[in-house]
């Protein structure tokens, strides 16, 4: 895959706890130069939308652990959309899923989806789930009318794997995220069925594209 085809599939990401406005502008400059999307913290969405209006802009909701109250997730999602986000990446409540409260998980996600007119991706945090739980998480996301499911936040040990992408793609389009640092990593995820890549190493991935 050449660079021009790969770049629009990458959400170039800056979500660390020390992320400054300067960091956000730097990522947006790189996204603009290379033709990538960007994923930035919620506080920086308005800044990012004004600074780089032509960049497709995602942000995260309920990040990084997904344990916010449902009303808080919905409110955060609406605020992000109003600030200029084009897409939302919402962290599932892993604890509720593990407790078997699948209806609560689905309803919480559905409230966010219904509250905004933009695509919602659901981060299921695969490293914390069994395969059966991954399937239930994907089922909840699909039932909530989410646009995509996403592997990981990058904050739990373990990120995207080929096996997880293959499993998740049975349900919804997949955003592979977590530990993807090279062109080869990205292509492996796309070949497994991913349709989007989330990575802080977007430039490195594209620079590794074969000539």
C-alpha atoms as a PDB file:
ATOM      1  CA  UNK A   1       0.000   0.000   0.000  1.00  0.00           C
ATOM      2  CA  UNK A   2       1.426   3.378  -0.934  1.00  0.00           C
ATOM      3  CA  UNK A   3       1.647   6.353   1.388  1.00  0.00           C
ATOM      4  CA  UNK A   4      -1.244   8.294  -0.134  1.00  0.00           C
ATOM      5  CA  UNK A   5      -3.611   5.348   0.353  1.00  0.00           C
ATOM      6  CA  UNK A   6      -2.443   4.548   3.883  1.00  0.00           C
ATOM      7  CA  UNK A   7      -2.379   8.067   5.354  1.00  0.00           C
ATOM      8  CA  UNK A   8      -6.186   8.613   5.463  1.00  0.00           C
ATOM      9  CA  UNK A   9      -6.552   5.351   7.394  1.00  0.00           C
ATOM     10  CA  UNK A  10      -4.361   6.595  10.264  1.00  0.00           C
ATOM     11  CA  UNK A  11      -5.620   8.536  13.292  1.00  0.00           C
ATOM     12  CA  UNK A  12      -2.384  10.257  14.361  1.00  0.00           C
ATOM     13  CA  UNK A  13      -2.736  10.366  18.127  1.00  0.00           C
ATOM     14  CA  UNK A  14      -1.595  12.410  21.116  1.00  0.00           C
ATOM     15  CA  UNK A  15      -3.361  11.421  24.338  1.00  0.00           C
ATOM     16  CA  UNK A  16      -0.727  11.240  27.059  1.00  0.00           C
ATOM     17  CA  UNK A  17      -1.410  12.773  30.476  1.00  0.00           C
ATOM     18  CA  UNK A  18       1.167  15.513  29.857  1.00  0.00           C
ATOM     19  CA  UNK A  19      -0.164  16.524  26.428  1.00  0.00           C
ATOM     20  CA  UNK A  20       0.195  20.283  25.972  1.00  0.00           C
ATOM     21  CA  UNK A  21      -1.423  22.565  23.386  1.00  0.00           C
ATOM     22  CA  UNK A  22       1.956  22.702  21.653  1.00  0.00           C
ATOM     23  CA  UNK A  23       1.951  18.895  21.415  1.00  0.00           C
ATOM     24  CA  UNK A  24      -1.500  19.016  19.869  1.00  0.00           C
ATOM     25  CA  UNK A  25      -0.476  21.600  17.291  1.00  0.00           C
ATOM     26  CA  UNK A  26       2.587  19.503  16.405  1.00  0.00           C
ATOM     27  CA  UNK A  27       0.460  16.423  15.765  1.00  0.00           C
ATOM     28  CA  UNK A  28      -1.947  18.478  13.697  1.00  0.00           C
ATOM     29  CA  UNK A  29       0.924  19.876  11.638  1.00  0.00           C
ATOM     30  CA  UNK A  30       2.079  16.315  10.929  1.00  0.00           C
ATOM     31  CA  UNK A  31      -1.449  15.168  10.134  1.00  0.00           C
ATOM     32  CA  UNK A  32      -1.841  18.036   7.698  1.00  0.00           C
ATOM     33  CA  UNK A  33       1.518  17.410   6.052  1.00  0.00           C
ATOM     34  CA  UNK A  34       1.003  13.675   5.593  1.00  0.00           C
ATOM     35  CA  UNK A  35      -2.759  13.568   5.041  1.00  0.00           C
ATOM     36  CA  UNK A  36      -3.655  11.748   8.252  1.00  0.00           C
ATOM     37  CA  UNK A  37      -6.538  12.221  10.671  1.00  0.00           C
ATOM     38  CA  UNK A  38      -5.822  13.268  14.262  1.00  0.00           C
ATOM     39  CA  UNK A  39      -6.994  12.123  17.690  1.00  0.00           C
ATOM     40  CA  UNK A  40      -6.552  14.629  20.517  1.00  0.00           C
ATOM     41  CA  UNK A  41      -7.683  15.004  24.150  1.00  0.00           C
ATOM     42  CA  UNK A  42     -11.157  16.448  24.751  1.00  0.00           C
ATOM     43  CA  UNK A  43      -9.824  19.686  26.216  1.00  0.00           C
ATOM     44  CA  UNK A  44      -7.990  20.381  22.956  1.00  0.00           C
ATOM     45  CA  UNK A  45     -10.795  19.727  20.483  1.00  0.00           C
ATOM     46  CA  UNK A  46     -11.823  23.357  20.057  1.00  0.00           C
ATOM     47  CA  UNK A  47      -8.182  24.420  19.684  1.00  0.00           C
ATOM     48  CA  UNK A  48      -7.582  21.656  17.140  1.00  0.00           C
ATOM     49  CA  UNK A  49     -10.702  22.379  15.111  1.00  0.00           C
ATOM     50  CA  UNK A  50      -9.714  26.019  14.796  1.00  0.00           C
ATOM     51  CA  UNK A  51      -6.018  25.324  14.158  1.00  0.00           C
ATOM     52  CA  UNK A  52      -6.470  22.615  11.520  1.00  0.00           C
ATOM     53  CA  UNK A  53     -10.042  22.746  10.196  1.00  0.00           C
ATOM     54  CA  UNK A  54      -9.291  20.446   7.257  1.00  0.00           C
ATOM     55  CA  UNK A  55      -8.041  17.565   9.435  1.00  0.00           C
ATOM     56  CA  UNK A  56     -10.591  14.901  10.365  1.00  0.00           C
ATOM     57  CA  UNK A  57     -10.619  15.176  14.133  1.00  0.00           C
ATOM     58  CA  UNK A  58     -11.360  12.466  16.684  1.00  0.00           C
ATOM     59  CA  UNK A  59     -11.349  12.682  20.453  1.00  0.00           C
ATOM     60  CA  UNK A  60     -11.832  10.257  23.331  1.00  0.00           C
ATOM     61  CA  UNK A  61     -14.760   9.955  25.738  1.00  0.00           C
ATOM     62  CA  UNK A  62     -14.663   8.288  29.162  1.00  0.00           C
ATOM     63  CA  UNK A  63     -10.918   7.968  28.722  1.00  0.00           C
ATOM     64  CA  UNK A  64      -8.904   6.025  29.691  1.00  0.00           C
ATOM     65  CA  UNK A  65     -10.791   3.585  31.949  1.00  0.00           C
ATOM     66  CA  UNK A  66     -14.413   3.916  30.828  1.00  0.00           C
ATOM     67  CA  UNK A  67     -15.781   4.173  34.361  1.00  0.00           C
ATOM     68  CA  UNK A  68     -17.423   7.595  34.044  1.00  0.00           C
ATOM     69  CA  UNK A  69     -21.126   7.788  34.816  1.00  0.00           C
ATOM     70  CA  UNK A  70     -23.289   7.345  31.700  1.00  0.00           C
ATOM     71  CA  UNK A  71     -24.569  10.921  31.906  1.00  0.00           C
ATOM     72  CA  UNK A  72     -20.996  12.179  32.069  1.00  0.00           C
ATOM     73  CA  UNK A  73     -20.036  10.240  28.931  1.00  0.00           C
ATOM     74  CA  UNK A  74     -23.037  11.557  27.056  1.00  0.00           C
ATOM     75  CA  UNK A  75     -22.376  15.126  28.154  1.00  0.00           C
ATOM     76  CA  UNK A  76     -18.687  14.826  27.274  1.00  0.00           C
ATOM     77  CA  UNK A  77     -19.578  13.467  23.857  1.00  0.00           C
ATOM     78  CA  UNK A  78     -21.992  16.281  23.089  1.00  0.00           C
ATOM     79  CA  UNK A  79     -19.474  18.891  24.233  1.00  0.00           C
ATOM     80  CA  UNK A  80     -16.764  17.372  22.038  1.00  0.00           C
ATOM     81  CA  UNK A  81     -19.042  17.378  18.995  1.00  0.00           C
ATOM     82  CA  UNK A  82     -20.034  20.984  19.660  1.00  0.00           C
ATOM     83  CA  UNK A  83     -16.350  21.913  19.979  1.00  0.00           C
ATOM     84  CA  UNK A  84     -15.667  20.500  16.518  1.00  0.00           C
ATOM     85  CA  UNK A  85     -14.938  16.777  16.826  1.00  0.00           C
ATOM     86  CA  UNK A  86     -15.738  14.746  13.720  1.00  0.00           C
ATOM     87  CA  UNK A  87     -15.606  11.373  15.505  1.00  0.00           C
ATOM     88  CA  UNK A  88     -15.744  10.076  19.087  1.00  0.00           C
ATOM     89  CA  UNK A  89     -13.809   7.127  20.550  1.00  0.00           C
ATOM     90  CA  UNK A  90     -15.739   6.010  23.658  1.00  0.00           C
ATOM     91  CA  UNK A  91     -14.244   3.656  26.242  1.00  0.00           C
ATOM     92  CA  UNK A  92     -16.524   0.811  27.247  1.00  0.00           C
ATOM     93  CA  UNK A  93     -17.180   0.173  30.939  1.00  0.00           C
ATOM     94  CA  UNK A  94     -15.084  -2.976  31.272  1.00  0.00           C
ATOM     95  CA  UNK A  95     -16.159  -3.582  34.868  1.00  0.00           C
ATOM     96  CA  UNK A  96     -19.826  -3.626  33.970  1.00  0.00           C
ATOM     97  CA  UNK A  97     -19.165  -5.941  31.049  1.00  0.00           C
ATOM     98  CA  UNK A  98     -17.226  -8.360  33.266  1.00  0.00           C
ATOM     99  CA  UNK A  99     -20.070  -8.282  35.777  1.00  0.00           C
ATOM    100  CA  UNK A 100     -22.477  -9.428  33.065  1.00  0.00           C
ATOM    101  CA  UNK A 101     -24.340  -6.120  32.838  1.00  0.00           C
ATOM    102  CA  UNK A 102     -24.401  -6.188  29.046  1.00  0.00           C
ATOM    103  CA  UNK A 103     -27.685  -4.280  28.826  1.00  0.00           C
ATOM    104  CA  UNK A 104     -26.218  -1.428  30.876  1.00  0.00           C
ATOM    105  CA  UNK A 105     -23.145  -1.355  28.647  1.00  0.00           C
ATOM    106  CA  UNK A 106     -25.280  -1.292  25.515  1.00  0.00           C
ATOM    107  CA  UNK A 107     -27.603   1.393  26.877  1.00  0.00           C
ATOM    108  CA  UNK A 108     -24.717   3.622  27.948  1.00  0.00           C
ATOM    109  CA  UNK A 109     -23.149   3.420  24.502  1.00  0.00           C
ATOM    110  CA  UNK A 110     -26.492   3.916  22.816  1.00  0.00           C
ATOM    111  CA  UNK A 111     -27.052   7.136  24.723  1.00  0.00           C
ATOM    112  CA  UNK A 112     -23.789   8.561  23.405  1.00  0.00           C
ATOM    113  CA  UNK A 113     -24.532   7.420  19.840  1.00  0.00           C
ATOM    114  CA  UNK A 114     -28.025   8.931  19.966  1.00  0.00           C
ATOM    115  CA  UNK A 115     -26.778  12.234  21.376  1.00  0.00           C
ATOM    116  CA  UNK A 116     -24.400  13.140  18.527  1.00  0.00           C
ATOM    117  CA  UNK A 117     -24.660  13.160  14.702  1.00  0.00           C
ATOM    118  CA  UNK A 118     -21.087  11.926  14.209  1.00  0.00           C
ATOM    119  CA  UNK A 119     -19.524   8.440  14.143  1.00  0.00           C
ATOM    120  CA  UNK A 120     -18.869   6.773  17.489  1.00  0.00           C
ATOM    121  CA  UNK A 121     -16.133   4.163  17.862  1.00  0.00           C
ATOM    122  CA  UNK A 122     -16.211   1.928  20.930  1.00  0.00           C
ATOM    123  CA  UNK A 123     -12.900   1.083  22.639  1.00  0.00           C
ATOM    124  CA  UNK A 124     -13.311  -2.368  24.176  1.00  0.00           C
ATOM    125  CA  UNK A 125      -9.792  -2.673  25.712  1.00  0.00           C
ATOM    126  CA  UNK A 126      -9.064  -6.162  24.419  1.00  0.00           C
ATOM    127  CA  UNK A 127      -6.098  -6.806  26.728  1.00  0.00           C
ATOM    128  CA  UNK A 128      -8.470  -6.913  29.692  1.00  0.00           C
ATOM    129  CA  UNK A 129     -11.043  -9.251  28.125  1.00  0.00           C
ATOM    130  CA  UNK A 130     -11.428 -12.919  27.333  1.00  0.00           C
ATOM    131  CA  UNK A 131     -12.442 -13.816  23.791  1.00  0.00           C
ATOM    132  CA  UNK A 132     -16.006 -14.391  24.975  1.00  0.00           C
ATOM    133  CA  UNK A 133     -16.039 -10.958  26.625  1.00  0.00           C
ATOM    134  CA  UNK A 134     -14.630  -9.372  23.466  1.00  0.00           C
ATOM    135  CA  UNK A 135     -17.517 -10.829  21.517  1.00  0.00           C
ATOM    136  CA  UNK A 136     -20.053  -9.554  24.057  1.00  0.00           C
ATOM    137  CA  UNK A 137     -18.454  -6.105  23.954  1.00  0.00           C
ATOM    138  CA  UNK A 138     -18.670  -6.046  20.169  1.00  0.00           C
ATOM    139  CA  UNK A 139     -22.287  -7.220  20.314  1.00  0.00           C
ATOM    140  CA  UNK A 140     -23.108  -4.372  22.704  1.00  0.00           C
ATOM    141  CA  UNK A 141     -21.402  -1.844  20.427  1.00  0.00           C
ATOM    142  CA  UNK A 142     -23.249  -3.133  17.370  1.00  0.00           C
ATOM    143  CA  UNK A 143     -26.581  -3.087  19.212  1.00  0.00           C
ATOM    144  CA  UNK A 144     -25.897   0.516  20.226  1.00  0.00           C
ATOM    145  CA  UNK A 145     -25.421   1.459  16.532  1.00  0.00           C
ATOM    146  CA  UNK A 146     -21.753   2.336  16.973  1.00  0.00           C
ATOM    147  CA  UNK A 147     -19.816   2.937  13.768  1.00  0.00           C
ATOM    148  CA  UNK A 148     -16.695   0.986  14.717  1.00  0.00           C
ATOM    149  CA  UNK A 149     -15.037  -0.992  17.482  1.00  0.00           C
ATOM    150  CA  UNK A 150     -11.501  -0.164  18.584  1.00  0.00           C
ATOM    151  CA  UNK A 151      -8.999  -2.482  20.224  1.00  0.00           C
ATOM    152  CA  UNK A 152      -7.334  -0.459  22.966  1.00  0.00           C
ATOM    153  CA  UNK A 153      -6.681   2.832  24.690  1.00  0.00           C
ATOM    154  CA  UNK A 154      -2.938   2.250  24.870  1.00  0.00           C
ATOM    155  CA  UNK A 155      -3.089   2.582  28.651  1.00  0.00           C
ATOM    156  CA  UNK A 156      -3.600  -1.096  29.529  1.00  0.00           C
ATOM    157  CA  UNK A 157      -0.806  -3.622  29.055  1.00  0.00           C
ATOM    158  CA  UNK A 158      -1.209  -5.021  25.567  1.00  0.00           C
ATOM    159  CA  UNK A 159      -2.511  -3.463  22.378  1.00  0.00           C
ATOM    160  CA  UNK A 160      -3.819  -4.517  19.006  1.00  0.00           C
ATOM    161  CA  UNK A 161      -3.282  -8.082  17.790  1.00  0.00           C
ATOM    162  CA  UNK A 162      -4.128  -9.746  14.510  1.00  0.00           C
ATOM    163  CA  UNK A 163      -6.308 -12.294  16.313  1.00  0.00           C
ATOM    164  CA  UNK A 164      -8.350  -9.592  18.035  1.00  0.00           C
ATOM    165  CA  UNK A 165      -8.856  -7.619  14.832  1.00  0.00           C
ATOM    166  CA  UNK A 166     -10.067 -10.763  13.070  1.00  0.00           C
ATOM    167  CA  UNK A 167     -12.491 -11.515  15.926  1.00  0.00           C
ATOM    168  CA  UNK A 168     -13.836  -7.972  16.139  1.00  0.00           C
ATOM    169  CA  UNK A 169     -14.293  -7.578  12.396  1.00  0.00           C
ATOM    170  CA  UNK A 170     -17.075 -10.173  12.563  1.00  0.00           C
ATOM    171  CA  UNK A 171     -19.217  -7.466  14.152  1.00  0.00           C
ATOM    172  CA  UNK A 172     -18.250  -3.957  13.019  1.00  0.00           C
ATOM    173  CA  UNK A 173     -15.459  -2.151  11.190  1.00  0.00           C
ATOM    174  CA  UNK A 174     -12.336  -2.158  13.368  1.00  0.00           C
ATOM    175  CA  UNK A 175      -9.901   0.533  14.436  1.00  0.00           C
ATOM    176  CA  UNK A 176      -6.684  -1.172  15.501  1.00  0.00           C
ATOM    177  CA  UNK A 177      -4.879   0.805  18.172  1.00  0.00           C
ATOM    178  CA  UNK A 178      -2.208   0.130  20.765  1.00  0.00           C
ATOM    179  CA  UNK A 179       1.410  -0.723  20.034  1.00  0.00           C
ATOM    180  CA  UNK A 180       1.315  -0.108  16.286  1.00  0.00           C
ATOM    181  CA  UNK A 181       4.627   1.560  15.558  1.00  0.00           C
ATOM    182  CA  UNK A 182       5.698   0.581  12.059  1.00  0.00           C
ATOM    183  CA  UNK A 183       4.466   0.224   8.507  1.00  0.00           C
ATOM    184  CA  UNK A 184       4.644  -3.557   8.880  1.00  0.00           C
ATOM    185  CA  UNK A 185       2.522  -3.446  12.041  1.00  0.00           C
ATOM    186  CA  UNK A 186      -0.095  -1.302  10.339  1.00  0.00           C
ATOM    187  CA  UNK A 187      -0.297  -3.484   7.247  1.00  0.00           C
ATOM    188  CA  UNK A 188      -0.678  -6.612   9.383  1.00  0.00           C
ATOM    189  CA  UNK A 189      -3.692  -5.037  11.077  1.00  0.00           C
ATOM    190  CA  UNK A 190      -5.239  -3.926   7.803  1.00  0.00           C
ATOM    191  CA  UNK A 191      -4.744  -7.363   6.290  1.00  0.00           C
ATOM    192  CA  UNK A 192      -6.465  -8.852   9.352  1.00  0.00           C
ATOM    193  CA  UNK A 193      -9.518  -6.706   8.639  1.00  0.00           C
ATOM    194  CA  UNK A 194      -8.914  -3.346  10.309  1.00  0.00           C
ATOM    195  CA  UNK A 195     -10.202  -0.296   8.470  1.00  0.00           C
ATOM    196  CA  UNK A 196      -8.493   2.338  10.624  1.00  0.00           C
ATOM    197  CA  UNK A 197      -5.218   2.549  12.535  1.00  0.00           C
ATOM    198  CA  UNK A 198      -4.755   4.559  15.728  1.00  0.00           C
ATOM    199  CA  UNK A 199      -1.152   5.383  16.535  1.00  0.00           C
ATOM    200  CA  UNK A 200       1.092   8.031  18.011  1.00  0.00           C
ATOM    201  CA  UNK A 201       3.670   6.835  15.471  1.00  0.00           C
ATOM    202  CA  UNK A 202       1.760   7.886  12.381  1.00  0.00           C
ATOM    203  CA  UNK A 203       4.742   9.614  10.820  1.00  0.00           C
ATOM    204  CA  UNK A 204       7.013   6.608  11.453  1.00  0.00           C
ATOM    205  CA  UNK A 205       4.434   4.306   9.898  1.00  0.00           C
ATOM    206  CA  UNK A 206       4.194   6.412   6.747  1.00  0.00           C
ATOM    207  CA  UNK A 207       7.931   6.986   6.526  1.00  0.00           C
ATOM    208  CA  UNK A 208       8.308   3.199   6.464  1.00  0.00           C
ATOM    209  CA  UNK A 209       6.154   2.866   3.348  1.00  0.00           C
ATOM    210  CA  UNK A 210       8.109   1.085   0.593  1.00  0.00           C
ATOM    211  CA  UNK A 211       9.182   3.363  -2.240  1.00  0.00           C
END
